[in-house]
Amino acid sequence: MQLFVNGQAHAFEAPPTVSQVLDRLVLSQRRIAVERNGAIIPRSHYGNCHLEEGDCLEIVVAVGGG
């Protein structure tokens, strides 16, 4: 199956959860926000939010500074 993450296609053998996508992209330990098809996903739902063919994720990484 294919998903789009920040506009780039990513292939998965089975429908992943948001957590699995973040693990694969080495983002699971970062401060991020995830949007699926235009809707923000709460961090508490990452593990049980199963993605579907063609879903579009936008992932924003928080950067600190001053």
C-alpha atoms as a PDB file:
ATOM      1  CA  MET A   1       0.000   0.000   0.000  1.00  0.00           C
ATOM      2  CA  GLN A   2       1.102   3.552  -0.576  1.00  0.00           C
ATOM      3  CA  LEU A   3       0.964   6.606   1.675  1.00  0.00           C
ATOM      4  CA  PHE A   4       2.167  10.127   1.119  1.00  0.00           C
ATOM      5  CA  VAL A   5       4.242  11.775   3.838  1.00  0.00           C
ATOM      6  CA  ASN A   6       4.968  15.474   3.322  1.00  0.00           C
ATOM      7  CA  GLY A   7       4.284  14.965  -0.371  1.00  0.00           C
ATOM      8  CA  GLN A   8       6.557  11.935  -0.860  1.00  0.00           C
ATOM      9  CA  ALA A   9       5.252   8.433  -1.581  1.00  0.00           C
ATOM     10  CA  HIS A  10       6.112   5.642   0.876  1.00  0.00           C
ATOM     11  CA  ALA A  11       5.247   1.970   0.333  1.00  0.00           C
ATOM     12  CA  PHE A  12       4.140  -0.370   3.123  1.00  0.00           C
ATOM     13  CA  GLU A  13       3.281  -4.075   2.930  1.00  0.00           C
ATOM     14  CA  ALA A  14       0.379  -3.763   5.363  1.00  0.00           C
ATOM     15  CA  PRO A  15      -1.641  -0.803   6.647  1.00  0.00           C
ATOM     16  CA  PRO A  16       0.560   0.834   9.305  1.00  0.00           C
ATOM     17  CA  THR A  17      -0.398   2.899  12.306  1.00  0.00           C
ATOM     18  CA  VAL A  18       0.856   6.452  12.651  1.00  0.00           C
ATOM     19  CA  SER A  19       3.345   5.178  15.264  1.00  0.00           C
ATOM     20  CA  GLN A  20       4.771   2.653  12.794  1.00  0.00           C
ATOM     21  CA  VAL A  21       5.227   5.340  10.157  1.00  0.00           C
ATOM     22  CA  LEU A  22       7.003   7.590  12.662  1.00  0.00           C
ATOM     23  CA  ASP A  23       9.272   4.707  13.738  1.00  0.00           C
ATOM     24  CA  ARG A  24      10.176   3.974  10.129  1.00  0.00           C
ATOM     25  CA  LEU A  25      11.015   7.628   9.511  1.00  0.00           C
ATOM     26  CA  VAL A  26      12.979   7.836  12.797  1.00  0.00           C
ATOM     27  CA  LEU A  27      10.675  10.540  14.127  1.00  0.00           C
ATOM     28  CA  SER A  28       9.040   8.733  17.046  1.00  0.00           C
ATOM     29  CA  GLN A  29      11.193  10.429  19.698  1.00  0.00           C
ATOM     30  CA  ARG A  30      10.870  13.956  18.280  1.00  0.00           C
ATOM     31  CA  ARG A  31       8.394  16.686  19.161  1.00  0.00           C
ATOM     32  CA  ILE A  32       6.067  16.627  16.184  1.00  0.00           C
ATOM     33  CA  ALA A  33       2.551  17.290  14.988  1.00  0.00           C
ATOM     34  CA  VAL A  34       0.832  14.907  12.557  1.00  0.00           C
ATOM     35  CA  GLU A  35      -2.028  15.722  10.223  1.00  0.00           C
ATOM     36  CA  ARG A  36      -3.888  12.996   8.294  1.00  0.00           C
ATOM     37  CA  ASN A  37      -5.897  14.110   5.282  1.00  0.00           C
ATOM     38  CA  GLY A  38      -6.290  17.577   6.791  1.00  0.00           C
ATOM     39  CA  ALA A  39      -7.131  16.542  10.382  1.00  0.00           C
ATOM     40  CA  ILE A  40      -4.725  16.751  13.333  1.00  0.00           C
ATOM     41  CA  ILE A  41      -4.148  13.405  15.063  1.00  0.00           C
ATOM     42  CA  PRO A  42      -3.670  13.615  18.847  1.00  0.00           C
ATOM     43  CA  ARG A  43      -0.424  11.996  20.045  1.00  0.00           C
ATOM     44  CA  SER A  44      -2.471   9.633  22.236  1.00  0.00           C
ATOM     45  CA  HIS A  45      -4.022   8.125  19.059  1.00  0.00           C
ATOM     46  CA  TYR A  46      -0.800   7.443  17.129  1.00  0.00           C
ATOM     47  CA  GLY A  47      -0.684   3.775  18.186  1.00  0.00           C
ATOM     48  CA  ASN A  48      -4.264   2.905  17.220  1.00  0.00           C
ATOM     49  CA  CYS A  49      -4.751   5.128  14.156  1.00  0.00           C
ATOM     50  CA  HIS A  50      -4.494   2.695  11.220  1.00  0.00           C
ATOM     51  CA  LEU A  51      -3.789   4.374   7.915  1.00  0.00           C
ATOM     52  CA  GLU A  52      -5.427   3.532   4.599  1.00  0.00           C
ATOM     53  CA  GLU A  53      -4.287   3.382   0.980  1.00  0.00           C
ATOM     54  CA  GLY A  54      -3.560   6.858  -0.361  1.00  0.00           C
ATOM     55  CA  ASP A  55      -3.688   8.677   2.986  1.00  0.00           C
ATOM     56  CA  CYS A  56      -1.705  11.906   3.082  1.00  0.00           C
ATOM     57  CA  LEU A  57       0.258  12.730   6.222  1.00  0.00           C
ATOM     58  CA  GLU A  58       1.859  16.045   6.967  1.00  0.00           C
ATOM     59  CA  ILE A  59       4.448  15.849   9.731  1.00  0.00           C
ATOM     60  CA  VAL A  60       5.866  18.987  11.284  1.00  0.00           C
ATOM     61  CA  VAL A  61       8.891  18.799  13.576  1.00  0.00           C
ATOM     62  CA  ALA A  62       9.083  21.398  16.347  1.00  0.00           C
ATOM     63  CA  VAL A  63      12.367  23.313  16.404  1.00  0.00           C
ATOM     64  CA  GLY A  64      13.418  25.276  19.444  1.00  0.00           C
ATOM     65  CA  GLY A  65      15.488  28.395  19.364  1.00  0.00           C
ATOM     66  CA  GLY A  66      15.547  31.928  20.379  1.00  0.00           C
END
